[in-house]
Amino acid sequence: MGDAMGKLLLLPALLTGVFCAGFAVVVDFVLGMKGLATVVGISFVSGFLGNCFAQIVLGRGK
């Protein structure tokens, strides 16, 4: 795998991770983490929105 290919794979993952970390802080502040179903639901929403965010920032959602 070349250097450019590695950057193409890592940048969306990095952006998604940063988004999810920020999202988790906001959710923890607003709701507090309660119960497994809440954690699973919030994790899903965070990953989904983080992926959308990374694609928009990188211009791949067109």
C-alpha atoms as a PDB file:
ATOM      1  CA  MET A   1       0.000   0.000   0.000  1.00  0.00           C
ATOM      2  CA  GLY A   2       1.464   3.327  -1.049  1.00  0.00           C
ATOM      3  CA  ASP A   3       1.673   6.431   1.075  1.00  0.00           C
ATOM      4  CA  ALA A   4      -1.179   8.158  -0.777  1.00  0.00           C
ATOM      5  CA  MET A   5      -3.392   5.095  -0.367  1.00  0.00           C
ATOM      6  CA  GLY A   6      -2.694   5.016   3.367  1.00  0.00           C
ATOM      7  CA  LYS A   7      -3.667   8.665   3.701  1.00  0.00           C
ATOM      8  CA  LEU A   8      -6.884   8.011   1.776  1.00  0.00           C
ATOM      9  CA  LEU A   9      -7.796   5.295   4.256  1.00  0.00           C
ATOM     10  CA  LEU A  10      -6.690   7.054   7.436  1.00  0.00           C
ATOM     11  CA  LEU A  11      -8.141  10.526   6.897  1.00  0.00           C
ATOM     12  CA  PRO A  12     -11.825   9.490   6.950  1.00  0.00           C
ATOM     13  CA  ALA A  13     -11.159   7.267   9.962  1.00  0.00           C
ATOM     14  CA  LEU A  14      -9.423  10.131  11.774  1.00  0.00           C
ATOM     15  CA  LEU A  15     -12.244  12.575  11.010  1.00  0.00           C
ATOM     16  CA  THR A  16     -14.853  10.032  12.097  1.00  0.00           C
ATOM     17  CA  GLY A  17     -12.984   9.365  15.340  1.00  0.00           C
ATOM     18  CA  VAL A  18     -12.701  13.071  16.144  1.00  0.00           C
ATOM     19  CA  PHE A  19     -16.388  13.601  15.394  1.00  0.00           C
ATOM     20  CA  CYS A  20     -17.432  10.621  17.525  1.00  0.00           C
ATOM     21  CA  ALA A  21     -15.292  11.765  20.446  1.00  0.00           C
ATOM     22  CA  GLY A  22     -16.858  15.224  20.345  1.00  0.00           C
ATOM     23  CA  PHE A  23     -20.323  13.741  19.936  1.00  0.00           C
ATOM     24  CA  ALA A  24     -19.794  11.484  22.956  1.00  0.00           C
ATOM     25  CA  VAL A  25     -18.743  14.453  25.108  1.00  0.00           C
ATOM     26  CA  VAL A  26     -21.877  16.378  24.131  1.00  0.00           C
ATOM     27  CA  VAL A  27     -24.164  13.392  24.712  1.00  0.00           C
ATOM     28  CA  ASP A  28     -22.548  12.647  28.070  1.00  0.00           C
ATOM     29  CA  PHE A  29     -23.041  16.263  29.101  1.00  0.00           C
ATOM     30  CA  VAL A  30     -26.679  16.392  27.980  1.00  0.00           C
ATOM     31  CA  LEU A  31     -27.965  12.943  28.955  1.00  0.00           C
ATOM     32  CA  GLY A  32     -25.429  11.087  31.006  1.00  0.00           C
ATOM     33  CA  MET A  33     -24.781   7.508  29.939  1.00  0.00           C
ATOM     34  CA  LYS A  34     -27.545   5.222  31.183  1.00  0.00           C
ATOM     35  CA  GLY A  35     -28.154   1.620  30.192  1.00  0.00           C
ATOM     36  CA  LEU A  36     -26.852  -0.618  27.441  1.00  0.00           C
ATOM     37  CA  ALA A  37     -29.571   0.282  24.923  1.00  0.00           C
ATOM     38  CA  THR A  38     -28.721   3.974  25.275  1.00  0.00           C
ATOM     39  CA  VAL A  39     -25.012   3.343  24.770  1.00  0.00           C
ATOM     40  CA  VAL A  40     -25.682   1.139  21.713  1.00  0.00           C
ATOM     41  CA  GLY A  41     -28.066   3.701  20.208  1.00  0.00           C
ATOM     42  CA  ILE A  42     -25.721   6.609  20.813  1.00  0.00           C
ATOM     43  CA  SER A  43     -22.770   4.651  19.402  1.00  0.00           C
ATOM     44  CA  PHE A  44     -24.723   3.904  16.232  1.00  0.00           C
ATOM     45  CA  VAL A  45     -25.814   7.512  15.748  1.00  0.00           C
ATOM     46  CA  SER A  46     -22.303   8.756  16.470  1.00  0.00           C
ATOM     47  CA  GLY A  47     -20.688   6.399  13.956  1.00  0.00           C
ATOM     48  CA  PHE A  48     -23.304   7.113  11.296  1.00  0.00           C
ATOM     49  CA  LEU A  49     -23.087  10.885  11.656  1.00  0.00           C
ATOM     50  CA  GLY A  50     -19.299  10.753  11.945  1.00  0.00           C
ATOM     51  CA  ASN A  51     -19.051   8.862   8.680  1.00  0.00           C
ATOM     52  CA  CYS A  52     -21.383  11.351   6.962  1.00  0.00           C
ATOM     53  CA  PHE A  53     -19.332  14.228   8.386  1.00  0.00           C
ATOM     54  CA  ALA A  54     -16.069  12.761   7.069  1.00  0.00           C
ATOM     55  CA  GLN A  55     -17.543  12.202   3.615  1.00  0.00           C
ATOM     56  CA  ILE A  56     -18.903  15.764   3.463  1.00  0.00           C
ATOM     57  CA  VAL A  57     -15.597  17.272   4.616  1.00  0.00           C
ATOM     58  CA  LEU A  58     -13.692  15.207   2.062  1.00  0.00           C
ATOM     59  CA  GLY A  59     -16.212  15.989  -0.703  1.00  0.00           C
ATOM     60  CA  ARG A  60     -17.131  12.357  -1.306  1.00  0.00           C
ATOM     61  CA  GLY A  61     -20.857  12.774  -0.683  1.00  0.00           C
ATOM     62  CA  LYS A  62     -21.461  14.213  -4.158  1.00  0.00           C
END
